[in-house]
Each structure stands twice: as structure tokens, then as C-alpha cells.
Amino acid sequence: AWIVLASVDPAATVAVGIPGSFTLDNFTTVLTPDLTFV
């Protein structure tokens, strides 16, 4: 649950909780050749 919720949380912390707002910026940031694809 933490992995799924934190992945769409713009202010994710180590605590498990429903995000105040949802975003895909975390995926956009990591979807690069150096960080993910390679």
C-alpha cells in the first residue's frame, strides 16, 4: 500500500497515508534511461 500510494504522492513520506493530491510526476522523473530503462 505504501509503494502504490507514495508513487502518486507529490509529498510522500515514510508513513502510509492517502495523498492529499495525486500526481504522476514521480513516474515522469524516474522514467529516464539512466535511472530506469538501462
PDB file of all heavy atoms in Angstrom:
ATOM      1  N   ALA A   1       0.838  -1.207   0.000  1.00  0.00           N
ATOM      2  CA  ALA A   1       0.000   0.000   0.000  1.00  0.00           C
ATOM      3  C   ALA A   1       0.869   1.251   0.000  1.00  0.00           C
ATOM      4  O   ALA A   1       0.565   2.235  -0.695  1.00  0.00           O
ATOM      5  CB  ALA A   1      -0.930  -0.014   1.213  1.00  0.00           C
ATOM      6  N   TRP A   2       1.959   1.237   0.767  1.00  0.00           N
ATOM      7  CA  TRP A   2       2.839   2.413   0.793  1.00  0.00           C
ATOM      8  C   TRP A   2       3.453   2.661  -0.580  1.00  0.00           C
ATOM      9  O   TRP A   2       3.527   3.805  -1.046  1.00  0.00           O
ATOM     10  CB  TRP A   2       3.953   2.214   1.818  1.00  0.00           C
ATOM     11  CG  TRP A   2       4.898   3.382   1.839  1.00  0.00           C
ATOM     12  CD1 TRP A   2       4.759   4.542   2.540  1.00  0.00           C
ATOM     13  CD2 TRP A   2       6.118   3.511   1.086  1.00  0.00           C
ATOM     14  NE1 TRP A   2       5.807   5.395   2.278  1.00  0.00           N
ATOM     15  CE2 TRP A   2       6.658   4.783   1.384  1.00  0.00           C
ATOM     16  CE3 TRP A   2       6.795   2.678   0.204  1.00  0.00           C
ATOM     17  CZ2 TRP A   2       7.844   5.237   0.828  1.00  0.00           C
ATOM     18  CZ3 TRP A   2       7.977   3.120  -0.361  1.00  0.00           C
ATOM     19  CH2 TRP A   2       8.504   4.390  -0.048  1.00  0.00           C
ATOM     20  N   ILE A   3       3.908   1.592  -1.252  1.00  0.00           N
ATOM     21  CA  ILE A   3       4.539   1.750  -2.568  1.00  0.00           C
ATOM     22  C   ILE A   3       3.565   2.378  -3.553  1.00  0.00           C
ATOM     23  O   ILE A   3       3.902   3.323  -4.280  1.00  0.00           O
ATOM     24  CB  ILE A   3       5.047   0.395  -3.079  1.00  0.00           C
ATOM     25  CG1 ILE A   3       6.249  -0.065  -2.253  1.00  0.00           C
ATOM     26  CG2 ILE A   3       5.428   0.483  -4.554  1.00  0.00           C
ATOM     27  CD1 ILE A   3       6.737  -1.450  -2.624  1.00  0.00           C
ATOM     28  N   VAL A   4       2.336   1.861  -3.588  1.00  0.00           N
ATOM     29  CA  VAL A   4       1.350   2.354  -4.550  1.00  0.00           C
ATOM     30  C   VAL A   4       0.957   3.791  -4.230  1.00  0.00           C
ATOM     31  O   VAL A   4       0.904   4.655  -5.125  1.00  0.00           O
ATOM     32  CB  VAL A   4       0.120   1.435  -4.561  1.00  0.00           C
ATOM     33  CG1 VAL A   4      -0.973   2.027  -5.450  1.00  0.00           C
ATOM     34  CG2 VAL A   4       0.496   0.046  -5.040  1.00  0.00           C
ATOM     35  N   LEU A   5       0.663   4.078  -2.973  1.00  0.00           N
ATOM     36  CA  LEU A   5       0.205   5.420  -2.599  1.00  0.00           C
ATOM     37  C   LEU A   5       1.329   6.451  -2.697  1.00  0.00           C
ATOM     38  O   LEU A   5       1.120   7.569  -3.177  1.00  0.00           O
ATOM     39  CB  LEU A   5      -0.367   5.394  -1.178  1.00  0.00           C
ATOM     40  CG  LEU A   5      -1.650   4.573  -0.990  1.00  0.00           C
ATOM     41  CD1 LEU A   5      -2.036   4.516   0.476  1.00  0.00           C
ATOM     42  CD2 LEU A   5      -2.793   5.138  -1.824  1.00  0.00           C
ATOM     43  N   ALA A   6       2.529   6.090  -2.248  1.00  0.00           N
ATOM     44  CA  ALA A   6       3.643   7.038  -2.287  1.00  0.00           C
ATOM     45  C   ALA A   6       4.073   7.361  -3.713  1.00  0.00           C
ATOM     46  O   ALA A   6       4.588   8.449  -3.977  1.00  0.00           O
ATOM     47  CB  ALA A   6       4.826   6.489  -1.502  1.00  0.00           C
ATOM     48  N   SER A   7       3.849   6.417  -4.636  1.00  0.00           N
ATOM     49  CA  SER A   7       4.275   6.657  -6.016  1.00  0.00           C
ATOM     50  C   SER A   7       3.479   7.762  -6.694  1.00  0.00           C
ATOM     51  O   SER A   7       3.942   8.363  -7.665  1.00  0.00           O
ATOM     52  CB  SER A   7       4.151   5.360  -6.828  1.00  0.00           C
ATOM     53  OG  SER A   7       2.793   4.968  -6.945  1.00  0.00           O
ATOM     54  N   VAL A   8       2.278   8.045  -6.183  1.00  0.00           N
ATOM     55  CA  VAL A   8       1.440   9.102  -6.775  1.00  0.00           C
ATOM     56  C   VAL A   8       1.263  10.274  -5.811  1.00  0.00           C
ATOM     57  O   VAL A   8       0.381  11.112  -5.998  1.00  0.00           O
ATOM     58  CB  VAL A   8       0.061   8.542  -7.185  1.00  0.00           C
ATOM     59  CG1 VAL A   8       0.205   7.552  -8.324  1.00  0.00           C
ATOM     60  CG2 VAL A   8      -0.640   7.882  -5.998  1.00  0.00           C
ATOM     61  N   ASP A   9       2.107  10.329  -4.771  1.00  0.00           N
ATOM     62  CA  ASP A   9       2.022  11.390  -3.771  1.00  0.00           C
ATOM     63  C   ASP A   9       3.141  12.398  -4.027  1.00  0.00           C
ATOM     64  O   ASP A   9       4.321  12.042  -4.000  1.00  0.00           O
ATOM     65  CB  ASP A   9       2.163  10.793  -2.372  1.00  0.00           C
ATOM     66  CG  ASP A   9       1.870  11.810  -1.273  1.00  0.00           C
ATOM     67  OD1 ASP A   9       1.753  13.008  -1.593  1.00  0.00           O
ATOM     68  OD2 ASP A   9       1.766  11.394  -0.110  1.00  0.00           O
ATOM     69  N   PRO A  10       2.823  13.667  -4.266  1.00  0.00           N
ATOM     70  CA  PRO A  10       3.877  14.671  -4.510  1.00  0.00           C
ATOM     71  C   PRO A  10       4.703  14.989  -3.272  1.00  0.00           C
ATOM     72  O   PRO A  10       5.809  15.528  -3.386  1.00  0.00           O
ATOM     73  CB  PRO A  10       3.101  15.896  -4.987  1.00  0.00           C
ATOM     74  CG  PRO A  10       1.739  15.721  -4.407  1.00  0.00           C
ATOM     75  CD  PRO A  10       1.478  14.247  -4.384  1.00  0.00           C
ATOM     76  N   ALA A  11       4.186  14.653  -2.090  1.00  0.00           N
ATOM     77  CA  ALA A  11       4.915  14.920  -0.844  1.00  0.00           C
ATOM     78  C   ALA A  11       4.996  13.644  -0.023  1.00  0.00           C
ATOM     79  O   ALA A  11       4.635  13.614   1.156  1.00  0.00           O
ATOM     80  CB  ALA A  11       4.242  16.034  -0.050  1.00  0.00           C
ATOM     81  N   ALA A  12       5.457  12.579  -0.645  1.00  0.00           N
ATOM     82  CA  ALA A  12       5.478  11.273   0.006  1.00  0.00           C
ATOM     83  C   ALA A  12       6.479  11.248   1.152  1.00  0.00           C
ATOM     84  O   ALA A  12       7.553  11.853   1.087  1.00  0.00           O
ATOM     85  CB  ALA A  12       5.831  10.189  -1.018  1.00  0.00           C
ATOM     86  N   THR A  13       6.101  10.560   2.207  1.00  0.00           N
ATOM     87  CA  THR A  13       6.987  10.333   3.343  1.00  0.00           C
ATOM     88  C   THR A  13       7.023   8.830   3.620  1.00  0.00           C
ATOM     89  O   THR A  13       6.439   8.032   2.880  1.00  0.00           O
ATOM     90  CB  THR A  13       6.493  11.086   4.585  1.00  0.00           C
ATOM     91  OG1 THR A  13       5.214  10.567   4.983  1.00  0.00           O
ATOM     92  CG2 THR A  13       6.378  12.578   4.309  1.00  0.00           C
ATOM     93  N   VAL A  14       7.675   8.458   4.712  1.00  0.00           N
ATOM     94  CA  VAL A  14       7.774   7.047   5.056  1.00  0.00           C
ATOM     95  C   VAL A  14       6.463   6.512   5.625  1.00  0.00           C
ATOM     96  O   VAL A  14       6.275   5.301   5.715  1.00  0.00           O
ATOM     97  CB  VAL A  14       8.929   6.836   6.060  1.00  0.00           C
ATOM     98  CG1 VAL A  14       8.563   7.382   7.430  1.00  0.00           C
ATOM     99  CG2 VAL A  14       9.328   5.365   6.154  1.00  0.00           C
ATOM    100  N   ALA A  15       5.550   7.405   6.008  1.00  0.00           N
ATOM    101  CA  ALA A  15       4.270   6.989   6.573  1.00  0.00           C
ATOM    102  C   ALA A  15       3.298   6.598   5.471  1.00  0.00           C
ATOM    103  O   ALA A  15       3.332   7.127   4.348  1.00  0.00           O
ATOM    104  CB  ALA A  15       3.677   8.116   7.418  1.00  0.00           C
ATOM    105  N   VAL A  16       2.417   5.655   5.792  1.00  0.00           N
ATOM    106  CA  VAL A  16       1.377   5.220   4.858  1.00  0.00           C
ATOM    107  C   VAL A  16       0.160   6.102   5.049  1.00  0.00           C
ATOM    108  O   VAL A  16      -0.346   6.253   6.169  1.00  0.00           O
ATOM    109  CB  VAL A  16       1.002   3.742   5.092  1.00  0.00           C
ATOM    110  CG1 VAL A  16      -0.078   3.306   4.117  1.00  0.00           C
ATOM    111  CG2 VAL A  16       2.224   2.854   4.972  1.00  0.00           C
ATOM    112  N   GLY A  17      -0.318   6.690   3.969  1.00  0.00           N
ATOM    113  CA  GLY A  17      -1.492   7.543   4.059  1.00  0.00           C
ATOM    114  C   GLY A  17      -2.020   7.904   2.687  1.00  0.00           C
ATOM    115  O   GLY A  17      -1.306   7.789   1.677  1.00  0.00           O
ATOM    116  N   ILE A  18      -3.279   8.314   2.643  1.00  0.00           N
ATOM    117  CA  ILE A  18      -3.890   8.733   1.390  1.00  0.00           C
ATOM    118  C   ILE A  18      -3.315  10.086   0.994  1.00  0.00           C
ATOM    119  O   ILE A  18      -3.322  11.030   1.799  1.00  0.00           O
ATOM    120  CB  ILE A  18      -5.421   8.832   1.526  1.00  0.00           C
ATOM    121  CG1 ILE A  18      -6.006   7.498   1.999  1.00  0.00           C
ATOM    122  CG2 ILE A  18      -6.040   9.244   0.198  1.00  0.00           C
ATOM    123  CD1 ILE A  18      -5.789   6.355   1.030  1.00  0.00           C
ATOM    124  N   PRO A  19      -2.795  10.229  -0.222  1.00  0.00           N
ATOM    125  CA  PRO A  19      -2.212  11.522  -0.636  1.00  0.00           C
ATOM    126  C   PRO A  19      -3.267  12.620  -0.678  1.00  0.00           C
ATOM    127  O   PRO A  19      -4.435  12.384  -1.016  1.00  0.00           O
ATOM    128  CB  PRO A  19      -1.662  11.228  -2.040  1.00  0.00           C
ATOM    129  CG  PRO A  19      -1.552   9.737  -2.119  1.00  0.00           C
ATOM    130  CD  PRO A  19      -2.635   9.189  -1.244  1.00  0.00           C
ATOM    131  N   GLY A  20      -2.829  13.841  -0.328  1.00  0.00           N
ATOM    132  CA  GLY A  20      -3.739  14.978  -0.426  1.00  0.00           C
ATOM    133  C   GLY A  20      -4.074  15.297  -1.867  1.00  0.00           C
ATOM    134  O   GLY A  20      -5.166  15.779  -2.177  1.00  0.00           O
ATOM    135  N   SER A  21      -3.139  15.031  -2.768  1.00  0.00           N
ATOM    136  CA  SER A  21      -3.359  15.198  -4.202  1.00  0.00           C
ATOM    137  C   SER A  21      -2.567  14.122  -4.925  1.00  0.00           C
ATOM    138  O   SER A  21      -1.574  13.614  -4.411  1.00  0.00           O
ATOM    139  CB  SER A  21      -2.909  16.588  -4.666  1.00  0.00           C
ATOM    140  OG  SER A  21      -1.521  16.771  -4.405  1.00  0.00           O
ATOM    141  N   PHE A  22      -3.011  13.779  -6.112  1.00  0.00           N
ATOM    142  CA  PHE A  22      -2.381  12.718  -6.878  1.00  0.00           C
ATOM    143  C   PHE A  22      -1.606  13.321  -8.052  1.00  0.00           C
ATOM    144  O   PHE A  22      -2.059  14.286  -8.682  1.00  0.00           O
ATOM    145  CB  PHE A  22      -3.431  11.726  -7.397  1.00  0.00           C
ATOM    146  CG  PHE A  22      -4.099  10.938  -6.313  1.00  0.00           C
ATOM    147  CD1 PHE A  22      -5.238  11.430  -5.687  1.00  0.00           C
ATOM    148  CD2 PHE A  22      -3.587   9.711  -5.913  1.00  0.00           C
ATOM    149  CE1 PHE A  22      -5.865  10.709  -4.680  1.00  0.00           C
ATOM    150  CE2 PHE A  22      -4.206   8.978  -4.913  1.00  0.00           C
ATOM    151  CZ  PHE A  22      -5.341   9.479  -4.297  1.00  0.00           C
ATOM    152  N   THR A  23      -0.462  12.719  -8.336  1.00  0.00           N
ATOM    153  CA  THR A  23       0.383  13.204  -9.421  1.00  0.00           C
ATOM    154  C   THR A  23       1.158  12.045 -10.026  1.00  0.00           C
ATOM    155  O   THR A  23       1.411  11.030  -9.362  1.00  0.00           O
ATOM    156  CB  THR A  23       1.367  14.271  -8.917  1.00  0.00           C
ATOM    157  OG1 THR A  23       2.150  14.729 -10.013  1.00  0.00           O
ATOM    158  CG2 THR A  23       2.290  13.699  -7.851  1.00  0.00           C
ATOM    159  N   LEU A  24       1.528  12.213 -11.279  1.00  0.00           N
ATOM    160  CA  LEU A  24       2.382  11.237 -11.962  1.00  0.00           C
ATOM    161  C   LEU A  24       3.797  11.773 -12.157  1.00  0.00           C
ATOM    162  O   LEU A  24       4.579  11.175 -12.905  1.00  0.00           O
ATOM    163  CB  LEU A  24       1.779  10.870 -13.324  1.00  0.00           C
ATOM    164  CG  LEU A  24       0.419  10.158 -13.288  1.00  0.00           C
ATOM    165  CD1 LEU A  24      -0.077   9.909 -14.717  1.00  0.00           C
ATOM    166  CD2 LEU A  24       0.501   8.833 -12.538  1.00  0.00           C
ATOM    167  N   ASP A  25       4.114  12.848 -11.460  1.00  0.00           N
ATOM    168  CA  ASP A  25       5.439  13.447 -11.617  1.00  0.00           C
ATOM    169  C   ASP A  25       6.555  12.511 -11.163  1.00  0.00           C
ATOM    170  O   ASP A  25       7.664  12.558 -11.700  1.00  0.00           O
ATOM    171  CB  ASP A  25       5.515  14.761 -10.826  1.00  0.00           C
ATOM    172  CG  ASP A  25       4.660  15.857 -11.445  1.00  0.00           C
ATOM    173  OD1 ASP A  25       4.277  15.700 -12.622  1.00  0.00           O
ATOM    174  OD2 ASP A  25       4.372  16.853 -10.745  1.00  0.00           O
ATOM    175  N   ASN A  26       6.277  11.695 -10.159  1.00  0.00           N
ATOM    176  CA  ASN A  26       7.308  10.755  -9.700  1.00  0.00           C
ATOM    177  C   ASN A  26       7.687   9.777 -10.800  1.00  0.00           C
ATOM    178  O   ASN A  26       8.870   9.463 -10.990  1.00  0.00           O
ATOM    179  CB  ASN A  26       6.810   9.996  -8.470  1.00  0.00           C
ATOM    180  CG  ASN A  26       6.639  10.887  -7.268  1.00  0.00           C
ATOM    181  OD1 ASN A  26       7.414  11.816  -7.056  1.00  0.00           O
ATOM    182  ND2 ASN A  26       5.607  10.631  -6.475  1.00  0.00           N
ATOM    183  N   PHE A  27       6.689   9.294 -11.540  1.00  0.00           N
ATOM    184  CA  PHE A  27       6.977   8.380 -12.652  1.00  0.00           C
ATOM    185  C   PHE A  27       7.697   9.119 -13.779  1.00  0.00           C
ATOM    186  O   PHE A  27       8.605   8.572 -14.405  1.00  0.00           O
ATOM    187  CB  PHE A  27       5.682   7.753 -13.170  1.00  0.00           C
ATOM    188  CG  PHE A  27       5.081   6.751 -12.240  1.00  0.00           C
ATOM    189  CD1 PHE A  27       4.082   7.111 -11.363  1.00  0.00           C
ATOM    190  CD2 PHE A  27       5.516   5.432 -12.229  1.00  0.00           C
ATOM    191  CE1 PHE A  27       3.516   6.195 -10.497  1.00  0.00           C
ATOM    192  CE2 PHE A  27       4.964   4.498 -11.374  1.00  0.00           C
ATOM    193  CZ  PHE A  27       3.951   4.878 -10.499  1.00  0.00           C
ATOM    194  N   THR A  28       7.274  10.342 -14.043  1.00  0.00           N
ATOM    195  CA  THR A  28       7.927  11.128 -15.096  1.00  0.00           C
ATOM    196  C   THR A  28       9.399  11.365 -14.780  1.00  0.00           C
ATOM    197  O   THR A  28      10.257  11.316 -15.669  1.00  0.00           O
ATOM    198  CB  THR A  28       7.210  12.476 -15.263  1.00  0.00           C
ATOM    199  OG1 THR A  28       5.823  12.250 -15.524  1.00  0.00           O
ATOM    200  CG2 THR A  28       7.805  13.266 -16.415  1.00  0.00           C
ATOM    201  N   THR A  29       9.691  11.587 -13.509  1.00  0.00           N
ATOM    202  CA  THR A  29      11.070  11.852 -13.107  1.00  0.00           C
ATOM    203  C   THR A  29      11.965  10.629 -13.262  1.00  0.00           C
ATOM    204  O   THR A  29      13.115  10.727 -13.698  1.00  0.00           O
ATOM    205  CB  THR A  29      11.113  12.346 -11.650  1.00  0.00           C
ATOM    206  OG1 THR A  29      10.292  13.517 -11.529  1.00  0.00           O
ATOM    207  CG2 THR A  29      12.529  12.684 -11.225  1.00  0.00           C
ATOM    208  N   VAL A  30      11.448   9.454 -12.902  1.00  0.00           N
ATOM    209  CA  VAL A  30      12.291   8.253 -12.918  1.00  0.00           C
ATOM    210  C   VAL A  30      12.334   7.568 -14.289  1.00  0.00           C
ATOM    211  O   VAL A  30      13.206   6.731 -14.522  1.00  0.00           O
ATOM    212  CB  VAL A  30      11.814   7.233 -11.858  1.00  0.00           C
ATOM    213  CG1 VAL A  30      11.846   7.848 -10.478  1.00  0.00           C
ATOM    214  CG2 VAL A  30      10.426   6.696 -12.179  1.00  0.00           C
ATOM    215  N   LEU A  31      11.410   7.912 -15.170  1.00  0.00           N
ATOM    216  CA  LEU A  31      11.381   7.273 -16.480  1.00  0.00           C
ATOM    217  C   LEU A  31      12.421   7.902 -17.405  1.00  0.00           C
ATOM    218  O   LEU A  31      12.108   8.576 -18.379  1.00  0.00           O
ATOM    219  CB  LEU A  31       9.988   7.370 -17.095  1.00  0.00           C
ATOM    220  CG  LEU A  31       8.957   6.388 -16.537  1.00  0.00           C
ATOM    221  CD1 LEU A  31       7.580   6.647 -17.121  1.00  0.00           C
ATOM    222  CD2 LEU A  31       9.382   4.938 -16.826  1.00  0.00           C
ATOM    223  N   THR A  32      13.673   7.657 -17.088  1.00  0.00           N
ATOM    224  CA  THR A  32      14.806   8.113 -17.897  1.00  0.00           C
ATOM    225  C   THR A  32      15.726   6.923 -18.141  1.00  0.00           C
ATOM    226  O   THR A  32      15.696   5.942 -17.389  1.00  0.00           O
ATOM    227  CB  THR A  32      15.583   9.231 -17.182  1.00  0.00           C
ATOM    228  OG1 THR A  32      16.138   8.709 -15.956  1.00  0.00           O
ATOM    229  CG2 THR A  32      14.681  10.411 -16.865  1.00  0.00           C
ATOM    230  N   PRO A  33      16.539   6.978 -19.193  1.00  0.00           N
ATOM    231  CA  PRO A  33      17.449   5.848 -19.454  1.00  0.00           C
ATOM    232  C   PRO A  33      18.384   5.547 -18.293  1.00  0.00           C
ATOM    233  O   PRO A  33      18.581   4.383 -17.939  1.00  0.00           O
ATOM    234  CB  PRO A  33      18.218   6.317 -20.699  1.00  0.00           C
ATOM    235  CG  PRO A  33      17.303   7.272 -21.377  1.00  0.00           C
ATOM    236  CD  PRO A  33      16.569   7.981 -20.272  1.00  0.00           C
ATOM    237  N   ASP A  34      18.957   6.568 -17.679  1.00  0.00           N
ATOM    238  CA  ASP A  34      19.945   6.339 -16.623  1.00  0.00           C
ATOM    239  C   ASP A  34      19.319   5.768 -15.360  1.00  0.00           C
ATOM    240  O   ASP A  34      19.907   4.908 -14.700  1.00  0.00           O
ATOM    241  CB  ASP A  34      20.672   7.646 -16.286  1.00  0.00           C
ATOM    242  CG  ASP A  34      21.557   8.120 -17.427  1.00  0.00           C
ATOM    243  OD1 ASP A  34      21.933   7.276 -18.263  1.00  0.00           O
ATOM    244  OD2 ASP A  34      21.861   9.332 -17.490  1.00  0.00           O
ATOM    245  N   LEU A  35      18.122   6.242 -15.005  1.00  0.00           N
ATOM    246  CA  LEU A  35      17.508   5.824 -13.752  1.00  0.00           C
ATOM    247  C   LEU A  35      16.736   4.523 -13.857  1.00  0.00           C
ATOM    248  O   LEU A  35      16.715   3.732 -12.909  1.00  0.00           O
ATOM    249  CB  LEU A  35      16.576   6.927 -13.227  1.00  0.00           C
ATOM    250  CG  LEU A  35      17.233   8.178 -12.646  1.00  0.00           C
ATOM    251  CD1 LEU A  35      16.171   9.190 -12.244  1.00  0.00           C
ATOM    252  CD2 LEU A  35      18.089   7.809 -11.442  1.00  0.00           C
ATOM    253  N   THR A  36      16.088   4.271 -14.994  1.00  0.00           N
ATOM    254  CA  THR A  36      15.164   3.138 -15.067  1.00  0.00           C
ATOM    255  C   THR A  36      15.445   2.191 -16.230  1.00  0.00           C
ATOM    256  O   THR A  36      15.615   0.978 -16.028  1.00  0.00           O
ATOM    257  CB  THR A  36      13.713   3.646 -15.173  1.00  0.00           C
ATOM    258  OG1 THR A  36      13.414   4.441 -14.019  1.00  0.00           O
ATOM    259  CG2 THR A  36      12.737   2.486 -15.249  1.00  0.00           C
ATOM    260  N   PHE A  37      15.483   2.696 -17.450  1.00  0.00           N
ATOM    261  CA  PHE A  37      15.498   1.815 -18.610  1.00  0.00           C
ATOM    262  C   PHE A  37      16.763   0.960 -18.679  1.00  0.00           C
ATOM    263  O   PHE A  37      16.699  -0.263 -18.882  1.00  0.00           O
ATOM    264  CB  PHE A  37      15.327   2.624 -19.894  1.00  0.00           C
ATOM    265  CG  PHE A  37      14.005   3.345 -19.974  1.00  0.00           C
ATOM    266  CD1 PHE A  37      13.943   4.694 -20.267  1.00  0.00           C
ATOM    267  CD2 PHE A  37      12.823   2.669 -19.734  1.00  0.00           C
ATOM    268  CE1 PHE A  37      12.736   5.357 -20.333  1.00  0.00           C
ATOM    269  CE2 PHE A  37      11.611   3.319 -19.799  1.00  0.00           C
ATOM    270  CZ  PHE A  37      11.554   4.665 -20.091  1.00  0.00           C
ATOM    271  N   VAL A  38      17.927   1.567 -18.522  1.00  0.00           N
ATOM    272  CA  VAL A  38      19.181   0.803 -18.580  1.00  0.00           C
ATOM    273  C   VAL A  38      19.287  -0.181 -17.422  1.00  0.00           C
ATOM    274  O   VAL A  38      19.611  -1.364 -17.631  1.00  0.00           O
ATOM    275  CB  VAL A  38      20.397   1.753 -18.619  1.00  0.00           C
ATOM    276  CG1 VAL A  38      21.700   0.963 -18.484  1.00  0.00           C
ATOM    277  CG2 VAL A  38      20.399   2.549 -19.924  1.00  0.00           C
TER     278      VAL A  38
END
